[in-house]
Amino acid sequence: MKYMLLVYFNEQALSETDREHCYVESAQLAQLLNSNGQYLDASPLHPISTATSVRVRDGKRLVTDGPFAETREQLGGYYLIDARDLDEAIRVAERVPVARLGTVEIRPVLEISGLPTD
């Protein structure tokens, strides 16, 4: 089953050096997951200052700068993995470097027909 691991943390909590170290650790985890056949995709996101939100209300588009909601922790990246079950996904999530500072939300991916495939 596919699981999305959404990585949340306070992006101000990391110095540039810590952030670079986190990227290295994250890439190492992705390599390990790949060798185990669990890796599907992963990537960090640019800071929330680069975010743009789009809403459509009554047929009209509203575009605003910034994230959808103001929170203490921001969505900083994701891993898309293949795991046997939630327990296995939890074991992967606890290895995500940012789990030591923030939160890793695990969500099963709902697969629907009609989407493009490789």
PDB file of N, CA and C in Angstrom:
ATOM      1  N   MET A   1       0.840  -1.171   0.000  1.00  0.00           N
ATOM      2  CA  MET A   1       0.000   0.000   0.000  1.00  0.00           C
ATOM      3  C   MET A   1       0.887   1.237   0.000  1.00  0.00           C
ATOM      4  N   LYS A   2       0.439   2.266  -0.703  1.00  0.00           N
ATOM      5  CA  LYS A   2       1.184   3.521  -0.734  1.00  0.00           C
ATOM      6  C   LYS A   2       0.791   4.389   0.465  1.00  0.00           C
ATOM      7  N   TYR A   3       1.810   5.016   1.046  1.00  0.00           N
ATOM      8  CA  TYR A   3       1.602   5.958   2.145  1.00  0.00           C
ATOM      9  C   TYR A   3       2.346   7.244   1.834  1.00  0.00           C
ATOM     10  N   MET A   4       1.710   8.369   2.145  1.00  0.00           N
ATOM     11  CA  MET A   4       2.345   9.671   2.046  1.00  0.00           C
ATOM     12  C   MET A   4       2.773  10.063   3.455  1.00  0.00           C
ATOM     13  N   LEU A   5       4.037  10.373   3.603  1.00  0.00           N
ATOM     14  CA  LEU A   5       4.562  10.864   4.874  1.00  0.00           C
ATOM     15  C   LEU A   5       4.756  12.367   4.704  1.00  0.00           C
ATOM     16  N   LEU A   6       3.937  13.145   5.371  1.00  0.00           N
ATOM     17  CA  LEU A   6       3.988  14.596   5.280  1.00  0.00           C
ATOM     18  C   LEU A   6       4.824  15.126   6.438  1.00  0.00           C
ATOM     19  N   VAL A   7       5.853  15.861   6.125  1.00  0.00           N
ATOM     20  CA  VAL A   7       6.839  16.291   7.118  1.00  0.00           C
ATOM     21  C   VAL A   7       6.567  17.743   7.506  1.00  0.00           C
ATOM     22  N   TYR A   8       6.199  17.942   8.772  1.00  0.00           N
ATOM     23  CA  TYR A   8       5.890  19.274   9.298  1.00  0.00           C
ATOM     24  C   TYR A   8       6.922  19.662  10.354  1.00  0.00           C
ATOM     25  N   PHE A   9       7.354  20.914  10.294  1.00  0.00           N
ATOM     26  CA  PHE A   9       8.237  21.438  11.339  1.00  0.00           C
ATOM     27  C   PHE A   9       8.266  22.948  11.239  1.00  0.00           C
ATOM     28  N   ASN A  10       8.767  23.586  12.274  1.00  0.00           N
ATOM     29  CA  ASN A  10       8.949  25.025  12.257  1.00  0.00           C
ATOM     30  C   ASN A  10      10.199  25.312  11.440  1.00  0.00           C
ATOM     31  N   GLU A  11      10.017  25.869  10.252  1.00  0.00           N
ATOM     32  CA  GLU A  11      11.165  26.044   9.363  1.00  0.00           C
ATOM     33  C   GLU A  11      12.205  27.012   9.925  1.00  0.00           C
ATOM     34  N   GLN A  12      11.858  27.771  10.951  1.00  0.00           N
ATOM     35  CA  GLN A  12      12.829  28.655  11.601  1.00  0.00           C
ATOM     36  C   GLN A  12      13.693  27.901  12.614  1.00  0.00           C
ATOM     37  N   ALA A  13      13.350  26.639  12.896  1.00  0.00           N
ATOM     38  CA  ALA A  13      14.050  25.867  13.927  1.00  0.00           C
ATOM     39  C   ALA A  13      15.410  25.349  13.465  1.00  0.00           C
ATOM     40  N   LEU A  14      15.670  25.387  12.167  1.00  0.00           N
ATOM     41  CA  LEU A  14      16.928  24.850  11.649  1.00  0.00           C
ATOM     42  C   LEU A  14      17.829  25.968  11.139  1.00  0.00           C
ATOM     43  N   SER A  15      19.088  25.900  11.549  1.00  0.00           N
ATOM     44  CA  SER A  15      20.077  26.800  10.949  1.00  0.00           C
ATOM     45  C   SER A  15      20.362  26.279   9.538  1.00  0.00           C
ATOM     46  N   GLU A  16      21.040  27.050   8.737  1.00  0.00           N
ATOM     47  CA  GLU A  16      21.375  26.598   7.374  1.00  0.00           C
ATOM     48  C   GLU A  16      22.239  25.340   7.419  1.00  0.00           C
ATOM     49  N   THR A  17      23.167  25.280   8.374  1.00  0.00           N
ATOM     50  CA  THR A  17      24.016  24.093   8.529  1.00  0.00           C
ATOM     51  C   THR A  17      23.175  22.877   8.919  1.00  0.00           C
ATOM     52  N   ASP A  18      22.266  23.060   9.876  1.00  0.00           N
ATOM     53  CA  ASP A  18      21.386  21.963  10.288  1.00  0.00           C
ATOM     54  C   ASP A  18      20.492  21.508   9.137  1.00  0.00           C
ATOM     55  N   ARG A  19      20.013  22.466   8.343  1.00  0.00           N
ATOM     56  CA  ARG A  19      19.150  22.150   7.203  1.00  0.00           C
ATOM     57  C   ARG A  19      19.912  21.295   6.183  1.00  0.00           C
ATOM     58  N   GLU A  20      21.148  21.691   5.889  1.00  0.00           N
ATOM     59  CA  GLU A  20      21.963  20.917   4.938  1.00  0.00           C
ATOM     60  C   GLU A  20      22.221  19.508   5.465  1.00  0.00           C
ATOM     61  N   HIS A  21      22.490  19.396   6.766  1.00  0.00           N
ATOM     62  CA  HIS A  21      22.702  18.072   7.369  1.00  0.00           C
ATOM     63  C   HIS A  21      21.418  17.232   7.269  1.00  0.00           C
ATOM     64  N   CYS A  22      20.289  17.869   7.482  1.00  0.00           N
ATOM     65  CA  CYS A  22      19.000  17.188   7.374  1.00  0.00           C
ATOM     66  C   CYS A  22      18.782  16.669   5.953  1.00  0.00           C
ATOM     67  N   TYR A  23      19.152  17.477   4.944  1.00  0.00           N
ATOM     68  CA  TYR A  23      19.026  17.033   3.550  1.00  0.00           C
ATOM     69  C   TYR A  23      19.882  15.794   3.286  1.00  0.00           C
ATOM     70  N   VAL A  24      21.081  15.788   3.836  1.00  0.00           N
ATOM     71  CA  VAL A  24      21.968  14.630   3.658  1.00  0.00           C
ATOM     72  C   VAL A  24      21.346  13.393   4.305  1.00  0.00           C
ATOM     73  N   GLU A  25      20.877  13.530   5.547  1.00  0.00           N
ATOM     74  CA  GLU A  25      20.235  12.403   6.235  1.00  0.00           C
ATOM     75  C   GLU A  25      18.989  11.929   5.488  1.00  0.00           C
ATOM     76  N   SER A  26      18.222  12.877   4.971  1.00  0.00           N
ATOM     77  CA  SER A  26      17.000  12.527   4.244  1.00  0.00           C
ATOM     78  C   SER A  26      17.321  11.773   2.961  1.00  0.00           C
ATOM     79  N   ALA A  27      18.362  12.198   2.259  1.00  0.00           N
ATOM     80  CA  ALA A  27      18.776  11.497   1.041  1.00  0.00           C
ATOM     81  C   ALA A  27      19.270  10.095   1.369  1.00  0.00           C
ATOM     82  N   GLN A  28      19.970   9.954   2.485  1.00  0.00           N
ATOM     83  CA  GLN A  28      20.430   8.619   2.909  1.00  0.00           C
ATOM     84  C   GLN A  28      19.241   7.715   3.213  1.00  0.00           C
ATOM     85  N   LEU A  29      18.234   8.252   3.890  1.00  0.00           N
ATOM     86  CA  LEU A  29      17.035   7.463   4.165  1.00  0.00           C
ATOM     87  C   LEU A  29      16.352   7.077   2.859  1.00  0.00           C
ATOM     88  N   ALA A  30      16.248   8.007   1.912  1.00  0.00           N
ATOM     89  CA  ALA A  30      15.630   7.699   0.614  1.00  0.00           C
ATOM     90  C   ALA A  30      16.399   6.592  -0.108  1.00  0.00           C
ATOM     91  N   GLN A  31      17.722   6.624  -0.033  1.00  0.00           N
ATOM     92  CA  GLN A  31      18.535   5.565  -0.652  1.00  0.00           C
ATOM     93  C   GLN A  31      18.261   4.213   0.004  1.00  0.00           C
ATOM     94  N   LEU A  32      18.161   4.194   1.328  1.00  0.00           N
ATOM     95  CA  LEU A  32      17.862   2.964   2.047  1.00  0.00           C
ATOM     96  C   LEU A  32      16.483   2.433   1.663  1.00  0.00           C
ATOM     97  N   LEU A  33      15.496   3.319   1.636  1.00  0.00           N
ATOM     98  CA  LEU A  33      14.145   2.915   1.252  1.00  0.00           C
ATOM     99  C   LEU A  33      14.134   2.377  -0.181  1.00  0.00           C
ATOM    100  N   ASN A  34      14.910   3.006  -1.042  1.00  0.00           N
ATOM    101  CA  ASN A  34      15.000   2.551  -2.427  1.00  0.00           C
ATOM    102  C   ASN A  34      15.587   1.143  -2.506  1.00  0.00           C
ATOM    103  N   SER A  35      16.627   0.889  -1.728  1.00  0.00           N
ATOM    104  CA  SER A  35      17.243  -0.448  -1.746  1.00  0.00           C
ATOM    105  C   SER A  35      16.312  -1.509  -1.164  1.00  0.00           C
ATOM    106  N   ASN A  36      15.354  -1.077  -0.317  1.00  0.00           N
ATOM    107  CA  ASN A  36      14.373  -2.001   0.265  1.00  0.00           C
ATOM    108  C   ASN A  36      13.115  -2.133  -0.593  1.00  0.00           C
ATOM    109  N   GLY A  37      13.060  -1.395  -1.709  1.00  0.00           N
ATOM    110  CA  GLY A  37      11.885  -1.429  -2.569  1.00  0.00           C
ATOM    111  C   GLY A  37      10.705  -0.629  -2.031  1.00  0.00           C
ATOM    112  N   GLN A  38      10.945   0.259  -1.075  1.00  0.00           N
ATOM    113  CA  GLN A  38       9.861   1.039  -0.468  1.00  0.00           C
ATOM    114  C   GLN A  38       9.761   2.458  -1.014  1.00  0.00           C
ATOM    115  N   TYR A  39      10.809   2.947  -1.637  1.00  0.00           N
ATOM    116  CA  TYR A  39      10.861   4.340  -2.086  1.00  0.00           C
ATOM    117  C   TYR A  39      10.046   4.529  -3.355  1.00  0.00           C
ATOM    118  N   LEU A  40       9.172   5.535  -3.343  1.00  0.00           N
ATOM    119  CA  LEU A  40       8.437   5.921  -4.542  1.00  0.00           C
ATOM    120  C   LEU A  40       8.790   7.353  -4.957  1.00  0.00           C
ATOM    121  N   ASP A  41       8.922   8.254  -3.976  1.00  0.00           N
ATOM    122  CA  ASP A  41       9.266   9.640  -4.267  1.00  0.00           C
ATOM    123  C   ASP A  41       9.508  10.359  -2.936  1.00  0.00           C
ATOM    124  N   ALA A  42      10.235  11.461  -2.987  1.00  0.00           N
ATOM    125  CA  ALA A  42      10.462  12.297  -1.801  1.00  0.00           C
ATOM    126  C   ALA A  42      11.026  13.630  -2.258  1.00  0.00           C
ATOM    127  N   SER A  43      10.754  14.667  -1.488  1.00  0.00           N
ATOM    128  CA  SER A  43      11.340  15.961  -1.792  1.00  0.00           C
ATOM    129  C   SER A  43      11.060  16.949  -0.678  1.00  0.00           C
ATOM    130  N   PRO A  44      12.037  17.813  -0.383  1.00  0.00           N
ATOM    131  CA  PRO A  44      11.742  18.940   0.501  1.00  0.00           C
ATOM    132  C   PRO A  44      11.022  20.012  -0.311  1.00  0.00           C
ATOM    133  N   LEU A  45      10.382  20.924   0.387  1.00  0.00           N
ATOM    134  CA  LEU A  45       9.702  22.041  -0.258  1.00  0.00           C
ATOM    135  C   LEU A  45      10.438  23.338   0.047  1.00  0.00           C
ATOM    136  N   HIS A  46      10.310  24.299  -0.851  1.00  0.00           N
ATOM    137  CA  HIS A  46      10.864  25.629  -0.589  1.00  0.00           C
ATOM    138  C   HIS A  46      10.115  26.229   0.606  1.00  0.00           C
ATOM    139  N   PRO A  47      10.666  27.263   1.242  1.00  0.00           N
ATOM    140  CA  PRO A  47      10.023  27.875   2.423  1.00  0.00           C
ATOM    141  C   PRO A  47       8.604  28.374   2.129  1.00  0.00           C
ATOM    142  N   ILE A  48       7.821  28.513   3.196  1.00  0.00           N
ATOM    143  CA  ILE A  48       6.435  28.948   3.032  1.00  0.00           C
ATOM    144  C   ILE A  48       6.339  30.344   2.436  1.00  0.00           C
ATOM    145  N   SER A  49       7.395  31.121   2.514  1.00  0.00           N
ATOM    146  CA  SER A  49       7.370  32.462   1.918  1.00  0.00           C
ATOM    147  C   SER A  49       7.211  32.393   0.397  1.00  0.00           C
ATOM    148  N   THR A  50       7.465  31.230  -0.196  1.00  0.00           N
ATOM    149  CA  THR A  50       7.313  31.060  -1.648  1.00  0.00           C
ATOM    150  C   THR A  50       5.950  30.483  -2.025  1.00  0.00           C
ATOM    151  N   ALA A  51       5.118  30.194  -1.032  1.00  0.00           N
ATOM    152  CA  ALA A  51       3.828  29.538  -1.284  1.00  0.00           C
ATOM    153  C   ALA A  51       2.815  30.489  -1.913  1.00  0.00           C
ATOM    154  N   THR A  52       1.955  29.925  -2.717  1.00  0.00           N
ATOM    155  CA  THR A  52       0.808  30.618  -3.287  1.00  0.00           C
ATOM    156  C   THR A  52      -0.405  29.727  -3.080  1.00  0.00           C
ATOM    157  N   SER A  53      -1.498  30.303  -2.615  1.00  0.00           N
ATOM    158  CA  SER A  53      -2.729  29.539  -2.390  1.00  0.00           C
ATOM    159  C   SER A  53      -3.784  29.971  -3.398  1.00  0.00           C
ATOM    160  N   VAL A  54      -4.517  29.000  -3.922  1.00  0.00           N
ATOM    161  CA  VAL A  54      -5.578  29.265  -4.895  1.00  0.00           C
ATOM    162  C   VAL A  54      -6.881  28.704  -4.351  1.00  0.00           C
ATOM    163  N   ARG A  55      -7.911  29.533  -4.390  1.00  0.00           N
ATOM    164  CA  ARG A  55      -9.264  29.109  -4.010  1.00  0.00           C
ATOM    165  C   ARG A  55     -10.209  29.538  -5.125  1.00  0.00           C
ATOM    166  N   VAL A  56     -11.244  28.763  -5.350  1.00  0.00           N
ATOM    167  CA  VAL A  56     -12.291  29.161  -6.284  1.00  0.00           C
ATOM    168  C   VAL A  56     -13.596  29.194  -5.501  1.00  0.00           C
ATOM    169  N   ARG A  57     -14.208  30.356  -5.461  1.00  0.00           N
ATOM    170  CA  ARG A  57     -15.469  30.555  -4.744  1.00  0.00           C
ATOM    171  C   ARG A  57     -16.448  31.224  -5.689  1.00  0.00           C
ATOM    172  N   ASP A  58     -17.621  30.638  -5.802  1.00  0.00           N
ATOM    173  CA  ASP A  58     -18.652  31.171  -6.697  1.00  0.00           C
ATOM    174  C   ASP A  58     -18.104  31.396  -8.104  1.00  0.00           C
ATOM    175  N   GLY A  59     -17.260  30.472  -8.557  1.00  0.00           N
ATOM    176  CA  GLY A  59     -16.714  30.534  -9.903  1.00  0.00           C
ATOM    177  C   GLY A  59     -15.598  31.545 -10.089  1.00  0.00           C
ATOM    178  N   LYS A  60     -15.151  32.190  -9.010  1.00  0.00           N
ATOM    179  CA  LYS A  60     -14.092  33.191  -9.114  1.00  0.00           C
ATOM    180  C   LYS A  60     -12.842  32.707  -8.404  1.00  0.00           C
ATOM    181  N   ARG A  61     -11.730  32.898  -9.073  1.00  0.00           N
ATOM    182  CA  ARG A  61     -10.432  32.496  -8.531  1.00  0.00           C
ATOM    183  C   ARG A  61      -9.909  33.564  -7.588  1.00  0.00           C
ATOM    184  N   LEU A  62      -9.397  33.115  -6.432  1.00  0.00           N
ATOM    185  CA  LEU A  62      -8.747  33.993  -5.473  1.00  0.00           C
ATOM    186  C   LEU A  62      -7.341  33.442  -5.251  1.00  0.00           C
ATOM    187  N   VAL A  63      -6.340  34.231  -5.592  1.00  0.00           N
ATOM    188  CA  VAL A  63      -4.945  33.831  -5.440  1.00  0.00           C
ATOM    189  C   VAL A  63      -4.324  34.704  -4.358  1.00  0.00           C
ATOM    190  N   THR A  64      -3.701  34.049  -3.351  1.00  0.00           N
ATOM    191  CA  THR A  64      -3.061  34.793  -2.270  1.00  0.00           C
ATOM    192  C   THR A  64      -1.657  34.263  -2.057  1.00  0.00           C
ATOM    193  N   ASP A  65      -0.785  35.143  -1.607  1.00  0.00           N
ATOM    194  CA  ASP A  65       0.570  34.732  -1.250  1.00  0.00           C
ATOM    195  C   ASP A  65       0.526  34.004   0.076  1.00  0.00           C
ATOM    196  N   GLY A  66       1.405  33.043   0.220  1.00  0.00           N
ATOM    197  CA  GLY A  66       1.548  32.367   1.498  1.00  0.00           C
ATOM    198  C   GLY A  66       0.771  31.068   1.588  1.00  0.00           C
ATOM    199  N   PRO A  67       0.941  30.396   2.699  1.00  0.00           N
ATOM    200  CA  PRO A  67       0.296  29.100   2.893  1.00  0.00           C
ATOM    201  C   PRO A  67      -1.204  29.245   3.164  1.00  0.00           C
ATOM    202  N   PHE A  68      -1.883  28.134   3.118  1.00  0.00           N
ATOM    203  CA  PHE A  68      -3.326  28.097   3.349  1.00  0.00           C
ATOM    204  C   PHE A  68      -3.668  28.531   4.771  1.00  0.00           C
ATOM    205  N   ALA A  69      -2.861  28.105   5.750  1.00  0.00           N
ATOM    206  CA  ALA A  69      -3.156  28.403   7.150  1.00  0.00           C
ATOM    207  C   ALA A  69      -1.884  28.812   7.879  1.00  0.00           C
ATOM    208  N   GLU A  70      -2.031  29.680   8.840  1.00  0.00           N
ATOM    209  CA  GLU A  70      -0.918  30.066   9.707  1.00  0.00           C
ATOM    210  C   GLU A  70      -0.829  29.052  10.845  1.00  0.00           C
ATOM    211  N   THR A  71       0.314  28.397  10.971  1.00  0.00           N
ATOM    212  CA  THR A  71       0.503  27.392  12.009  1.00  0.00           C
ATOM    213  C   THR A  71       1.913  27.489  12.573  1.00  0.00           C
ATOM    214  N   ARG A  72       2.124  26.811  13.688  1.00  0.00           N
ATOM    215  CA  ARG A  72       3.470  26.768  14.268  1.00  0.00           C
ATOM    216  C   ARG A  72       4.404  25.926  13.417  1.00  0.00           C
ATOM    217  N   GLU A  73       3.888  24.844  12.850  1.00  0.00           N
ATOM    218  CA  GLU A  73       4.682  23.969  11.997  1.00  0.00           C
ATOM    219  C   GLU A  73       4.177  24.084  10.561  1.00  0.00           C
ATOM    220  N   GLN A  74       5.108  24.046   9.624  1.00  0.00           N
ATOM    221  CA  GLN A  74       4.764  24.165   8.225  1.00  0.00           C
ATOM    222  C   GLN A  74       5.105  22.865   7.491  1.00  0.00           C
ATOM    223  N   LEU A  75       4.383  22.617   6.400  1.00  0.00           N
ATOM    224  CA  LEU A  75       4.692  21.471   5.561  1.00  0.00           C
ATOM    225  C   LEU A  75       6.029  21.732   4.894  1.00  0.00           C
ATOM    226  N   GLY A  76       7.012  20.895   5.198  1.00  0.00           N
ATOM    227  CA  GLY A  76       8.369  21.112   4.703  1.00  0.00           C
ATOM    228  C   GLY A  76       8.806  20.129   3.646  1.00  0.00           C
ATOM    229  N   GLY A  77       8.050  19.040   3.461  1.00  0.00           N
ATOM    230  CA  GLY A  77       8.429  18.055   2.466  1.00  0.00           C
ATOM    231  C   GLY A  77       7.591  16.805   2.618  1.00  0.00           C
ATOM    232  N   TYR A  78       7.946  15.803   1.841  1.00  0.00           N
ATOM    233  CA  TYR A  78       7.174  14.561   1.864  1.00  0.00           C
ATOM    234  C   TYR A  78       8.030  13.378   1.427  1.00  0.00           C
ATOM    235  N   TYR A  79       7.570  12.216   1.800  1.00  0.00           N
ATOM    236  CA  TYR A  79       8.052  10.949   1.266  1.00  0.00           C
ATOM    237  C   TYR A  79       6.813  10.201   0.792  1.00  0.00           C
ATOM    238  N   LEU A  80       6.888   9.578  -0.356  1.00  0.00           N
ATOM    239  CA  LEU A  80       5.852   8.673  -0.821  1.00  0.00           C
ATOM    240  C   LEU A  80       6.480   7.294  -0.809  1.00  0.00           C
ATOM    241  N   ILE A  81       5.910   6.394   0.012  1.00  0.00           N
ATOM    242  CA  ILE A  81       6.524   5.081   0.199  1.00  0.00           C
ATOM    243  C   ILE A  81       5.530   3.969  -0.091  1.00  0.00           C
ATOM    244  N   ASP A  82       6.062   2.786  -0.251  1.00  0.00           N
ATOM    245  CA  ASP A  82       5.264   1.574  -0.356  1.00  0.00           C
ATOM    246  C   ASP A  82       5.557   0.772   0.909  1.00  0.00           C
ATOM    247  N   ALA A  83       4.513   0.478   1.672  1.00  0.00           N
ATOM    248  CA  ALA A  83       4.681  -0.269   2.927  1.00  0.00           C
ATOM    249  C   ALA A  83       3.594  -1.323   3.034  1.00  0.00           C
ATOM    250  N   ARG A  84       3.903  -2.406   3.720  1.00  0.00           N
ATOM    251  CA  ARG A  84       2.929  -3.501   3.884  1.00  0.00           C
ATOM    252  C   ARG A  84       1.690  -3.040   4.642  1.00  0.00           C
ATOM    253  N   ASP A  85       1.914  -2.188   5.660  1.00  0.00           N
ATOM    254  CA  ASP A  85       0.811  -1.777   6.522  1.00  0.00           C
ATOM    255  C   ASP A  85       1.217  -0.523   7.287  1.00  0.00           C
ATOM    256  N   LEU A  86       0.314  -0.028   8.101  1.00  0.00           N
ATOM    257  CA  LEU A  86       0.578   1.195   8.865  1.00  0.00           C
ATOM    258  C   LEU A  86       1.771   1.031   9.798  1.00  0.00           C
ATOM    259  N   ASP A  87       1.917  -0.138  10.406  1.00  0.00           N
ATOM    260  CA  ASP A  87       3.048  -0.349  11.317  1.00  0.00           C
ATOM    261  C   ASP A  87       4.380  -0.165  10.592  1.00  0.00           C
ATOM    262  N   GLU A  88       4.476  -0.683   9.383  1.00  0.00           N
ATOM    263  CA  GLU A  88       5.711  -0.517   8.618  1.00  0.00           C
ATOM    264  C   GLU A  88       5.905   0.952   8.238  1.00  0.00           C
ATOM    265  N   ALA A  89       4.829   1.647   7.885  1.00  0.00           N
ATOM    266  CA  ALA A  89       4.917   3.072   7.558  1.00  0.00           C
ATOM    267  C   ALA A  89       5.376   3.875   8.777  1.00  0.00           C
ATOM    268  N   ILE A  90       4.909   3.507   9.946  1.00  0.00           N
ATOM    269  CA  ILE A  90       5.334   4.176  11.183  1.00  0.00           C
ATOM    270  C   ILE A  90       6.828   3.975  11.410  1.00  0.00           C
ATOM    271  N   ARG A  91       7.310   2.767  11.156  1.00  0.00           N
ATOM    272  CA  ARG A  91       8.747   2.497  11.329  1.00  0.00           C
ATOM    273  C   ARG A  91       9.577   3.353  10.377  1.00  0.00           C
ATOM    274  N   VAL A  92       9.079   3.595   9.180  1.00  0.00           N
ATOM    275  CA  VAL A  92       9.787   4.483   8.255  1.00  0.00           C
ATOM    276  C   VAL A  92       9.696   5.923   8.757  1.00  0.00           C
ATOM    277  N   ALA A  93       8.512   6.363   9.150  1.00  0.00           N
ATOM    278  CA  ALA A  93       8.302   7.749   9.586  1.00  0.00           C
ATOM    279  C   ALA A  93       9.207   8.124  10.759  1.00  0.00           C
ATOM    280  N   GLU A  94       9.435   7.199  11.674  1.00  0.00           N
ATOM    281  CA  GLU A  94      10.271   7.535  12.824  1.00  0.00           C
ATOM    282  C   GLU A  94      11.729   7.727  12.439  1.00  0.00           C
ATOM    283  N   ARG A  95      12.103   7.313  11.229  1.00  0.00           N
ATOM    284  CA  ARG A  95      13.478   7.489  10.759  1.00  0.00           C
ATOM    285  C   ARG A  95      13.673   8.784   9.978  1.00  0.00           C
ATOM    286  N   VAL A  96      12.584   9.480   9.678  1.00  0.00           N
ATOM    287  CA  VAL A  96      12.681  10.760   8.974  1.00  0.00           C
ATOM    288  C   VAL A  96      13.376  11.751   9.915  1.00  0.00           C
ATOM    289  N   PRO A  97      14.471  12.378   9.465  1.00  0.00           N
ATOM    290  CA  PRO A  97      15.238  13.244  10.368  1.00  0.00           C
ATOM    291  C   PRO A  97      14.418  14.320  11.071  1.00  0.00           C
ATOM    292  N   VAL A  98      13.479  14.937  10.396  1.00  0.00           N
ATOM    293  CA  VAL A  98      12.708  16.026  10.990  1.00  0.00           C
ATOM    294  C   VAL A  98      11.752  15.524  12.068  1.00  0.00           C
ATOM    295  N   ALA A  99      11.515  14.233  12.152  1.00  0.00           N
ATOM    296  CA  ALA A  99      10.650  13.694  13.214  1.00  0.00           C
ATOM    297  C   ALA A  99      11.202  14.048  14.597  1.00  0.00           C
ATOM    298  N   ARG A 100      12.507  14.314  14.681  1.00  0.00           N
ATOM    299  CA  ARG A 100      13.120  14.701  15.953  1.00  0.00           C
ATOM    300  C   ARG A 100      12.766  16.134  16.349  1.00  0.00           C
ATOM    301  N   LEU A 101      12.323  16.938  15.383  1.00  0.00           N
ATOM    302  CA  LEU A 101      12.008  18.352  15.636  1.00  0.00           C
ATOM    303  C   LEU A 101      10.536  18.682  15.452  1.00  0.00           C
ATOM    304  N   GLY A 102       9.879  17.954  14.579  1.00  0.00           N
ATOM    305  CA  GLY A 102       8.510  18.286  14.215  1.00  0.00           C
ATOM    306  C   GLY A 102       7.620  17.063  14.221  1.00  0.00           C
ATOM    307  N   THR A 103       6.814  16.945  13.179  1.00  0.00           N
ATOM    308  CA  THR A 103       5.808  15.889  13.092  1.00  0.00           C
ATOM    309  C   THR A 103       5.843  15.270  11.699  1.00  0.00           C
ATOM    310  N   VAL A 104       5.686  13.960  11.638  1.00  0.00           N
ATOM    311  CA  VAL A 104       5.507  13.279  10.359  1.00  0.00           C
ATOM    312  C   VAL A 104       4.102  12.688  10.368  1.00  0.00           C
ATOM    313  N   GLU A 105       3.255  13.224   9.521  1.00  0.00           N
ATOM    314  CA  GLU A 105       1.878  12.729   9.388  1.00  0.00           C
ATOM    315  C   GLU A 105       1.864  11.633   8.337  1.00  0.00           C
ATOM    316  N   ILE A 106       1.258  10.515   8.662  1.00  0.00           N
ATOM    317  CA  ILE A 106       1.171   9.377   7.747  1.00  0.00           C
ATOM    318  C   ILE A 106      -0.251   9.283   7.220  1.00  0.00           C
ATOM    319  N   ARG A 107      -0.383   9.266   5.893  1.00  0.00           N
ATOM    320  CA  ARG A 107      -1.705   9.147   5.287  1.00  0.00           C
ATOM    321  C   ARG A 107      -1.652   8.078   4.205  1.00  0.00           C
ATOM    322  N   PRO A 108      -2.565   7.107   4.263  1.00  0.00           N
ATOM    323  CA  PRO A 108      -2.642   6.147   3.161  1.00  0.00           C
ATOM    324  C   PRO A 108      -3.101   6.870   1.895  1.00  0.00           C
ATOM    325  N   VAL A 109      -2.535   6.478   0.772  1.00  0.00           N
ATOM    326  CA  VAL A 109      -2.887   7.088  -0.503  1.00  0.00           C
ATOM    327  C   VAL A 109      -4.099   6.355  -1.075  1.00  0.00           C
ATOM    328  N   LEU A 110      -5.108   7.106  -1.410  1.00  0.00           N
ATOM    329  CA  LEU A 110      -6.308   6.547  -2.007  1.00  0.00           C
ATOM    330  C   LEU A 110      -6.077   6.463  -3.507  1.00  0.00           C
ATOM    331  N   GLU A 111      -6.078   5.261  -4.020  1.00  0.00           N
ATOM    332  CA  GLU A 111      -5.832   5.082  -5.453  1.00  0.00           C
ATOM    333  C   GLU A 111      -7.171   4.988  -6.165  1.00  0.00           C
ATOM    334  N   ILE A 112      -7.355   5.859  -7.164  1.00  0.00           N
ATOM    335  CA  ILE A 112      -8.602   5.876  -7.917  1.00  0.00           C
ATOM    336  C   ILE A 112      -8.298   5.613  -9.393  1.00  0.00           C
ATOM    337  N   SER A 113      -9.278   5.123 -10.093  1.00  0.00           N
ATOM    338  CA  SER A 113      -9.092   4.856 -11.520  1.00  0.00           C
ATOM    339  C   SER A 113      -9.137   6.157 -12.293  1.00  0.00           C
ATOM    340  N   GLY A 114      -8.549   6.137 -13.472  1.00  0.00           N
ATOM    341  CA  GLY A 114      -8.578   7.293 -14.357  1.00  0.00           C
ATOM    342  C   GLY A 114      -7.373   8.199 -14.251  1.00  0.00           C
ATOM    343  N   LEU A 115      -6.494   7.959 -13.271  1.00  0.00           N
ATOM    344  CA  LEU A 115      -5.291   8.777 -13.149  1.00  0.00           C
ATOM    345  C   LEU A 115      -4.214   8.223 -14.073  1.00  0.00           C
ATOM    346  N   PRO A 116      -3.312   9.087 -14.590  1.00  0.00           N
ATOM    347  CA  PRO A 116      -2.244   8.601 -15.450  1.00  0.00           C
ATOM    348  C   PRO A 116      -1.321   7.637 -14.683  1.00  0.00           C
ATOM    349  N   THR A 117      -0.768   6.701 -15.384  1.00  0.00           N
ATOM    350  CA  THR A 117       0.211   5.780 -14.798  1.00  0.00           C
ATOM    351  C   THR A 117       1.480   5.837 -15.637  1.00  0.00           C
ATOM    352  N   ASP A 118       2.565   5.357 -15.077  1.00  0.00           N
ATOM    353  CA  ASP A 118       3.840   5.361 -15.812  1.00  0.00           C
ATOM    354  C   ASP A 118       3.791   4.455 -17.015  1.00  0.00           C
TER     355      ASP A 118
END
